[in-house]
Every structure is written in C-alpha cells, then in structure tokens.
C-alpha cells in the first residue's frame, strides 16, 4: 500500500518500452547495478558503515539528452555496534552498555537526468527525490528497550525523505548495450534516531553495472 504509486509508475514505464523501441527517439535505458552506500549517522555513538547492494535504474528520455529516471536500490543488512553511557533522552532512559544490532536500507528515488551524447562516452548529471525504507534505528531501539533498567520507547521502521545529487558516465558497447562505469552521488537522508529529533545524514553512494537500450537511431 505504502509504495503503490511507485509500483504503478514502474508498470507504466515498462509498458511504454515496446513503443519507444520502434522509434528513433526518445530512448529508454534499463541498467542493472551493483551499489556501494557509505552511511554517515548523525549520532556520535554510531560509527560510519558501508552497505553493499544493487537494483535497477530506468531512464526515459523525453529529448535527445533530457530524461526522467526511476532509481530503485536495495542494500543488505549489516551489523553495527553502539556504545552509550547512562543516558536520558526524550524517548526514555538508556542504561550504559554496548549494543549490537543490524540494519538494511532501500531507496526509491525519481527525478530528472541530463545526459549529453558523445560517440564513445556519455556523461550525465541527475537530481533525484523520494524516500528510503530503513530499519536500523528501529532494531537498535528494540535491543535497548529489553535491557534491564531501560525505559526507551521502541521505534518503528522509517521511510524518510531522501535526495540524491550527482552524476556519472556510461560507455556505449553497441547500439543496445552500454557499460555504466560510475554513478556517484551525494545522498541526503532525514532519519529520526532513537535519541533525538530528526537529523540530516550526509551519505555517499556509488553504482555501476550493465545497461540495455531501446529506441534511438542506429
């Protein structure tokens, strides 16, 4: 239910591919990607951590260079350790100790992409907006809440506003295939941690993979 509009956009996008595959322009590009995500939490007690994942990038070009992109990436769960002293927060009391939990990340981003075309390489820039699905802080709050002496409220999974700004380069390998060498982005997330109110997290993302193309001139 929560992502019904996103799924509908993907279905409409996929249904449009055969029509554009028969035309000179615009062009549809589908990229299967590996992605590395460097998460920078806004809590001093939490260390930066690396997430590995992958997903799909669908770009529909309205003109030769200007298009609309749907970017759906998923990162597997990673373990992390957090150490606190006795701490009273606006969500309850945390007893001193070291807590081990895990977290996973999914990002659903949409927005414009600008991609000038050259014979042997194609640089691009993009600004994407959407949401993330994150369970890391929720899992941490559950671990803390069952510790003797804790009064910390359990936090639910979050779906915060997320934005990615960056770009990269694709290398055509033929009319229908290209190699995505790099898609490098600054990613802003607005997660609410178990201790304070909403904070901004300033993160880094890399993605690369194989791209399949439909439409365009031969």
C-alpha atoms as a PDB file:
ATOM      1  CA  UNK A   1       0.000   0.000   0.000  1.00  0.00           C
ATOM      2  CA  UNK A   2       2.746   2.423   1.006  1.00  0.00           C
ATOM      3  CA  UNK A   3       4.572   2.155  -2.323  1.00  0.00           C
ATOM      4  CA  UNK A   4       1.601   1.556  -4.631  1.00  0.00           C
ATOM      5  CA  UNK A   5       2.232   4.759  -6.591  1.00  0.00           C
ATOM      6  CA  UNK A   6       5.863   3.777  -7.126  1.00  0.00           C
ATOM      7  CA  UNK A   7       4.938   0.339  -8.395  1.00  0.00           C
ATOM      8  CA  UNK A   8       2.355   1.883 -10.716  1.00  0.00           C
ATOM      9  CA  UNK A   9       4.996   4.213 -12.173  1.00  0.00           C
ATOM     10  CA  UNK A  10       7.288   1.241 -12.862  1.00  0.00           C
ATOM     11  CA  UNK A  11       4.490  -0.721 -14.567  1.00  0.00           C
ATOM     12  CA  UNK A  12       3.599   2.223 -16.816  1.00  0.00           C
ATOM     13  CA  UNK A  13       7.281   2.707 -17.579  1.00  0.00           C
ATOM     14  CA  UNK A  14       7.720  -0.942 -18.555  1.00  0.00           C
ATOM     15  CA  UNK A  15       4.603  -0.923 -20.764  1.00  0.00           C
ATOM     16  CA  UNK A  16       5.986   2.051 -22.703  1.00  0.00           C
ATOM     17  CA  UNK A  17       9.243   0.316 -23.649  1.00  0.00           C
ATOM     18  CA  UNK A  18       7.961  -1.607 -26.739  1.00  0.00           C
ATOM     19  CA  UNK A  19       6.501   1.549 -28.261  1.00  0.00           C
ATOM     20  CA  UNK A  20       9.713   3.529 -27.907  1.00  0.00           C
ATOM     21  CA  UNK A  21      11.865   0.599 -29.025  1.00  0.00           C
ATOM     22  CA  UNK A  22      10.411   1.069 -32.517  1.00  0.00           C
ATOM     23  CA  UNK A  23      11.052   4.817 -32.729  1.00  0.00           C
ATOM     24  CA  UNK A  24      14.146   6.900 -33.396  1.00  0.00           C
ATOM     25  CA  UNK A  25      13.683   8.902 -30.215  1.00  0.00           C
ATOM     26  CA  UNK A  26      13.134   9.116 -27.274  1.00  0.00           C
ATOM     27  CA  UNK A  27      15.249   6.391 -25.780  1.00  0.00           C
ATOM     28  CA  UNK A  28      14.664   4.023 -22.852  1.00  0.00           C
ATOM     29  CA  UNK A  29      17.595   2.732 -20.809  1.00  0.00           C
ATOM     30  CA  UNK A  30      17.457  -0.027 -18.192  1.00  0.00           C
ATOM     31  CA  UNK A  31      20.532  -0.510 -16.009  1.00  0.00           C
ATOM     32  CA  UNK A  32      21.160  -3.375 -13.615  1.00  0.00           C
ATOM     33  CA  UNK A  33      23.521  -2.052 -10.974  1.00  0.00           C
ATOM     34  CA  UNK A  34      25.793  -3.001  -8.097  1.00  0.00           C
ATOM     35  CA  UNK A  35      25.841  -0.232  -5.492  1.00  0.00           C
ATOM     36  CA  UNK A  36      28.022   0.748  -2.533  1.00  0.00           C
ATOM     37  CA  UNK A  37      26.493   3.048   0.112  1.00  0.00           C
ATOM     38  CA  UNK A  38      28.552   4.798   2.819  1.00  0.00           C
ATOM     39  CA  UNK A  39      26.161   5.756   5.614  1.00  0.00           C
ATOM     40  CA  UNK A  40      27.081   8.630   7.938  1.00  0.00           C
ATOM     41  CA  UNK A  41      24.843   8.528  11.051  1.00  0.00           C
ATOM     42  CA  UNK A  42      24.099  11.707  12.972  1.00  0.00           C
ATOM     43  CA  UNK A  43      24.795  10.082  16.366  1.00  0.00           C
ATOM     44  CA  UNK A  44      28.325  10.194  17.876  1.00  0.00           C
ATOM     45  CA  UNK A  45      27.737   6.737  19.408  1.00  0.00           C
ATOM     46  CA  UNK A  46      27.283   5.192  15.936  1.00  0.00           C
ATOM     47  CA  UNK A  47      30.171   4.707  13.524  1.00  0.00           C
ATOM     48  CA  UNK A  48      30.005   5.212   9.773  1.00  0.00           C
ATOM     49  CA  UNK A  49      29.229   1.980   7.991  1.00  0.00           C
ATOM     50  CA  UNK A  50      29.337   0.511   4.491  1.00  0.00           C
ATOM     51  CA  UNK A  51      26.399  -1.175   2.779  1.00  0.00           C
ATOM     52  CA  UNK A  52      26.530  -3.331  -0.352  1.00  0.00           C
ATOM     53  CA  UNK A  53      23.546  -3.863  -2.597  1.00  0.00           C
ATOM     54  CA  UNK A  54      22.096  -3.379  -6.034  1.00  0.00           C
ATOM     55  CA  UNK A  55      18.989  -2.780  -8.036  1.00  0.00           C
ATOM     56  CA  UNK A  56      17.630  -1.238 -11.204  1.00  0.00           C
ATOM     57  CA  UNK A  57      17.710   2.162 -12.896  1.00  0.00           C
ATOM     58  CA  UNK A  58      15.069   3.007 -15.539  1.00  0.00           C
ATOM     59  CA  UNK A  59      15.523   6.171 -17.608  1.00  0.00           C
ATOM     60  CA  UNK A  60      13.017   7.508 -20.126  1.00  0.00           C
ATOM     61  CA  UNK A  61      14.353  10.298 -22.376  1.00  0.00           C
ATOM     62  CA  UNK A  62      11.937  12.992 -23.455  1.00  0.00           C
ATOM     63  CA  UNK A  63      14.552  14.553 -25.756  1.00  0.00           C
ATOM     64  CA  UNK A  64      17.977  13.540 -27.014  1.00  0.00           C
ATOM     65  CA  UNK A  65      19.570  14.400 -23.655  1.00  0.00           C
ATOM     66  CA  UNK A  66      16.856  15.182 -21.090  1.00  0.00           C
ATOM     67  CA  UNK A  67      15.018  12.378 -19.352  1.00  0.00           C
ATOM     68  CA  UNK A  68      13.211  11.114 -16.289  1.00  0.00           C
ATOM     69  CA  UNK A  69      14.773   8.467 -14.084  1.00  0.00           C
ATOM     70  CA  UNK A  70      13.444   5.892 -11.616  1.00  0.00           C
ATOM     71  CA  UNK A  71      16.201   4.629  -9.319  1.00  0.00           C
ATOM     72  CA  UNK A  72      15.430   1.623  -7.069  1.00  0.00           C
ATOM     73  CA  UNK A  73      18.298   0.232  -4.982  1.00  0.00           C
ATOM     74  CA  UNK A  74      18.356  -2.260  -2.114  1.00  0.00           C
ATOM     75  CA  UNK A  75      21.133  -2.865   0.427  1.00  0.00           C
ATOM     76  CA  UNK A  76      21.517  -5.969   2.560  1.00  0.00           C
ATOM     77  CA  UNK A  77      21.513  -5.985   6.336  1.00  0.00           C
ATOM     78  CA  UNK A  78      24.753  -5.116   8.110  1.00  0.00           C
ATOM     79  CA  UNK A  79      25.666  -5.476  11.797  1.00  0.00           C
ATOM     80  CA  UNK A  80      26.735  -2.474  13.884  1.00  0.00           C
ATOM     81  CA  UNK A  81      27.761  -1.829  17.489  1.00  0.00           C
ATOM     82  CA  UNK A  82      26.814   1.229  19.581  1.00  0.00           C
ATOM     83  CA  UNK A  83      28.191   2.198  22.994  1.00  0.00           C
ATOM     84  CA  UNK A  84      26.361   4.551  25.387  1.00  0.00           C
ATOM     85  CA  UNK A  85      26.838   5.808  28.908  1.00  0.00           C
ATOM     86  CA  UNK A  86      23.785   6.174  31.157  1.00  0.00           C
ATOM     87  CA  UNK A  87      21.683   8.483  29.038  1.00  0.00           C
ATOM     88  CA  UNK A  88      18.278  10.092  29.467  1.00  0.00           C
ATOM     89  CA  UNK A  89      16.670  11.055  26.162  1.00  0.00           C
ATOM     90  CA  UNK A  90      13.332  12.444  25.015  1.00  0.00           C
ATOM     91  CA  UNK A  91      12.322   8.834  24.245  1.00  0.00           C
ATOM     92  CA  UNK A  92      13.359   7.296  27.570  1.00  0.00           C
ATOM     93  CA  UNK A  93      16.376   6.123  29.565  1.00  0.00           C
ATOM     94  CA  UNK A  94      19.254   4.098  28.036  1.00  0.00           C
ATOM     95  CA  UNK A  95      21.419   2.128  30.513  1.00  0.00           C
ATOM     96  CA  UNK A  96      25.183   2.275  29.957  1.00  0.00           C
ATOM     97  CA  UNK A  97      26.406  -0.517  27.722  1.00  0.00           C
ATOM     98  CA  UNK A  98      27.368  -1.714  24.278  1.00  0.00           C
ATOM     99  CA  UNK A  99      24.537  -2.776  21.978  1.00  0.00           C
ATOM    100  CA  UNK A 100      24.788  -4.820  18.777  1.00  0.00           C
ATOM    101  CA  UNK A 101      22.057  -4.648  16.150  1.00  0.00           C
ATOM    102  CA  UNK A 102      21.632  -4.693  12.360  1.00  0.00           C
ATOM    103  CA  UNK A 103      20.035  -2.609   9.664  1.00  0.00           C
ATOM    104  CA  UNK A 104      19.095  -2.651   5.976  1.00  0.00           C
ATOM    105  CA  UNK A 105      18.309   0.135   3.513  1.00  0.00           C
ATOM    106  CA  UNK A 106      16.083   0.526   0.450  1.00  0.00           C
ATOM    107  CA  UNK A 107      15.919   3.706  -1.636  1.00  0.00           C
ATOM    108  CA  UNK A 108      13.144   4.734  -4.054  1.00  0.00           C
ATOM    109  CA  UNK A 109      14.223   7.832  -5.987  1.00  0.00           C
ATOM    110  CA  UNK A 110      12.823   9.677  -9.017  1.00  0.00           C
ATOM    111  CA  UNK A 111      13.820  12.775 -10.937  1.00  0.00           C
ATOM    112  CA  UNK A 112      15.400  14.420 -13.991  1.00  0.00           C
ATOM    113  CA  UNK A 113      18.572  13.240 -15.689  1.00  0.00           C
ATOM    114  CA  UNK A 114      20.574  15.222 -18.251  1.00  0.00           C
ATOM    115  CA  UNK A 115      22.834  13.165 -20.480  1.00  0.00           C
ATOM    116  CA  UNK A 116      24.719  14.699 -23.443  1.00  0.00           C
ATOM    117  CA  UNK A 117      25.565  12.092 -26.068  1.00  0.00           C
ATOM    118  CA  UNK A 118      29.056  11.541 -27.439  1.00  0.00           C
ATOM    119  CA  UNK A 119      30.361   8.779 -29.675  1.00  0.00           C
ATOM    120  CA  UNK A 120      32.455   6.921 -27.114  1.00  0.00           C
ATOM    121  CA  UNK A 121      31.217   8.161 -23.740  1.00  0.00           C
ATOM    122  CA  UNK A 122      28.122   9.734 -22.215  1.00  0.00           C
ATOM    123  CA  UNK A 123      28.453  11.801 -19.026  1.00  0.00           C
ATOM    124  CA  UNK A 124      25.280  12.576 -17.093  1.00  0.00           C
ATOM    125  CA  UNK A 125      24.022  14.582 -14.117  1.00  0.00           C
ATOM    126  CA  UNK A 126      20.888  13.996 -12.059  1.00  0.00           C
ATOM    127  CA  UNK A 127      18.799  15.238  -9.138  1.00  0.00           C
ATOM    128  CA  UNK A 128      16.576  12.578  -7.569  1.00  0.00           C
ATOM    129  CA  UNK A 129      13.964  12.758  -4.827  1.00  0.00           C
ATOM    130  CA  UNK A 130      11.994  10.136  -2.951  1.00  0.00           C
ATOM    131  CA  UNK A 131      12.057   8.038   0.205  1.00  0.00           C
ATOM    132  CA  UNK A 132      14.139   5.378   1.915  1.00  0.00           C
ATOM    133  CA  UNK A 133      12.994   2.402   3.954  1.00  0.00           C
ATOM    134  CA  UNK A 134      15.278   1.943   6.968  1.00  0.00           C
ATOM    135  CA  UNK A 135      15.035  -0.475   9.899  1.00  0.00           C
ATOM    136  CA  UNK A 136      18.412   0.140  11.596  1.00  0.00           C
ATOM    137  CA  UNK A 137      17.303   2.588  14.279  1.00  0.00           C
ATOM    138  CA  UNK A 138      14.156   0.557  14.936  1.00  0.00           C
ATOM    139  CA  UNK A 139      16.196  -2.602  15.512  1.00  0.00           C
ATOM    140  CA  UNK A 140      18.587  -0.713  17.799  1.00  0.00           C
ATOM    141  CA  UNK A 141      15.712   0.673  19.885  1.00  0.00           C
ATOM    142  CA  UNK A 142      14.245  -2.849  20.282  1.00  0.00           C
ATOM    143  CA  UNK A 143      17.587  -4.179  21.583  1.00  0.00           C
ATOM    144  CA  UNK A 144      17.937  -1.301  24.065  1.00  0.00           C
ATOM    145  CA  UNK A 145      14.308  -1.459  25.222  1.00  0.00           C
ATOM    146  CA  UNK A 146      14.643  -5.022  26.613  1.00  0.00           C
ATOM    147  CA  UNK A 147      17.776  -4.190  28.626  1.00  0.00           C
ATOM    148  CA  UNK A 148      17.107  -4.137  32.398  1.00  0.00           C
ATOM    149  CA  UNK A 149      16.545  -0.576  33.559  1.00  0.00           C
ATOM    150  CA  UNK A 150      15.728   0.789  30.114  1.00  0.00           C
ATOM    151  CA  UNK A 151      12.603   2.862  29.515  1.00  0.00           C
ATOM    152  CA  UNK A 152      13.400   3.630  25.863  1.00  0.00           C
ATOM    153  CA  UNK A 153      10.360   3.580  23.596  1.00  0.00           C
ATOM    154  CA  UNK A 154      10.550   1.148  20.662  1.00  0.00           C
ATOM    155  CA  UNK A 155      10.792   2.993  17.359  1.00  0.00           C
ATOM    156  CA  UNK A 156       9.101   1.829  14.161  1.00  0.00           C
ATOM    157  CA  UNK A 157      10.795   1.391  10.787  1.00  0.00           C
ATOM    158  CA  UNK A 158      11.216   4.677   8.946  1.00  0.00           C
ATOM    159  CA  UNK A 159      10.505   5.997   5.458  1.00  0.00           C
ATOM    160  CA  UNK A 160      12.280   9.380   5.467  1.00  0.00           C
ATOM    161  CA  UNK A 161      12.675  11.949   2.728  1.00  0.00           C
ATOM    162  CA  UNK A 162      15.758  11.157   0.637  1.00  0.00           C
ATOM    163  CA  UNK A 163      17.587  13.111  -2.067  1.00  0.00           C
ATOM    164  CA  UNK A 164      20.494  12.193  -4.356  1.00  0.00           C
ATOM    165  CA  UNK A 165      22.548  14.701  -6.351  1.00  0.00           C
ATOM    166  CA  UNK A 166      25.388  13.644  -8.619  1.00  0.00           C
ATOM    167  CA  UNK A 167      26.234  12.073 -11.917  1.00  0.00           C
ATOM    168  CA  UNK A 168      28.435   9.646 -13.747  1.00  0.00           C
ATOM    169  CA  UNK A 169      29.438   8.218 -17.086  1.00  0.00           C
ATOM    170  CA  UNK A 170      28.182   5.485 -19.431  1.00  0.00           C
ATOM    171  CA  UNK A 171      30.278   3.887 -22.187  1.00  0.00           C
ATOM    172  CA  UNK A 172      28.342   2.515 -25.208  1.00  0.00           C
ATOM    173  CA  UNK A 173      29.357  -1.016 -26.193  1.00  0.00           C
ATOM    174  CA  UNK A 174      26.942  -1.123 -29.125  1.00  0.00           C
ATOM    175  CA  UNK A 175      23.537   0.197 -30.112  1.00  0.00           C
ATOM    176  CA  UNK A 176      21.661  -1.753 -27.434  1.00  0.00           C
ATOM    177  CA  UNK A 177      24.241  -2.186 -24.642  1.00  0.00           C
ATOM    178  CA  UNK A 178      26.383   0.156 -22.548  1.00  0.00           C
ATOM    179  CA  UNK A 179      28.618  -0.096 -19.508  1.00  0.00           C
ATOM    180  CA  UNK A 180      27.876   2.162 -16.570  1.00  0.00           C
ATOM    181  CA  UNK A 181      31.357   2.913 -15.273  1.00  0.00           C
ATOM    182  CA  UNK A 182      30.162   5.089 -12.422  1.00  0.00           C
ATOM    183  CA  UNK A 183      27.147   6.772 -10.900  1.00  0.00           C
ATOM    184  CA  UNK A 184      28.421   8.788  -7.927  1.00  0.00           C
ATOM    185  CA  UNK A 185      26.036  10.720  -5.681  1.00  0.00           C
ATOM    186  CA  UNK A 186      25.740  12.718  -2.504  1.00  0.00           C
ATOM    187  CA  UNK A 187      22.699  11.284  -0.710  1.00  0.00           C
ATOM    188  CA  UNK A 188      20.752  13.158   1.966  1.00  0.00           C
ATOM    189  CA  UNK A 189      18.529  11.192   4.348  1.00  0.00           C
ATOM    190  CA  UNK A 190      16.379  12.618   7.152  1.00  0.00           C
ATOM    191  CA  UNK A 191      16.171   9.834   9.722  1.00  0.00           C
ATOM    192  CA  UNK A 192      14.904  10.177  13.291  1.00  0.00           C
ATOM    193  CA  UNK A 193      17.280   8.355  15.627  1.00  0.00           C
ATOM    194  CA  UNK A 194      16.243   6.808  18.994  1.00  0.00           C
ATOM    195  CA  UNK A 195      17.784   9.662  20.998  1.00  0.00           C
ATOM    196  CA  UNK A 196      16.942  12.989  19.387  1.00  0.00           C
ATOM    197  CA  UNK A 197      14.650  14.546  16.835  1.00  0.00           C
ATOM    198  CA  UNK A 198      15.075  14.278  13.061  1.00  0.00           C
ATOM    199  CA  UNK A 199      18.583  14.854  11.761  1.00  0.00           C
ATOM    200  CA  UNK A 200      20.180  15.111   8.342  1.00  0.00           C
ATOM    201  CA  UNK A 201      22.570  12.313   7.363  1.00  0.00           C
ATOM    202  CA  UNK A 202      25.094  13.141   4.634  1.00  0.00           C
ATOM    203  CA  UNK A 203      25.960   9.964   2.752  1.00  0.00           C
ATOM    204  CA  UNK A 204      27.920   8.762  -0.291  1.00  0.00           C
ATOM    205  CA  UNK A 205      26.753   6.348  -2.990  1.00  0.00           C
ATOM    206  CA  UNK A 206      28.433   4.615  -5.921  1.00  0.00           C
ATOM    207  CA  UNK A 207      26.686   2.453  -8.526  1.00  0.00           C
ATOM    208  CA  UNK A 208      27.824   0.718 -11.706  1.00  0.00           C
ATOM    209  CA  UNK A 209      26.615  -2.029 -13.989  1.00  0.00           C
ATOM    210  CA  UNK A 210      25.316  -3.101 -17.392  1.00  0.00           C
ATOM    211  CA  UNK A 211      22.791  -1.075 -19.363  1.00  0.00           C
ATOM    212  CA  UNK A 212      20.290  -2.169 -22.030  1.00  0.00           C
ATOM    213  CA  UNK A 213      18.870   0.378 -24.501  1.00  0.00           C
ATOM    214  CA  UNK A 214      15.718   0.661 -26.570  1.00  0.00           C
ATOM    215  CA  UNK A 215      14.955   3.163 -29.343  1.00  0.00           C
ATOM    216  CA  UNK A 216      17.290   5.784 -30.760  1.00  0.00           C
ATOM    217  CA  UNK A 217      18.955   5.945 -34.148  1.00  0.00           C
ATOM    218  CA  UNK A 218      21.189   3.179 -35.486  1.00  0.00           C
END
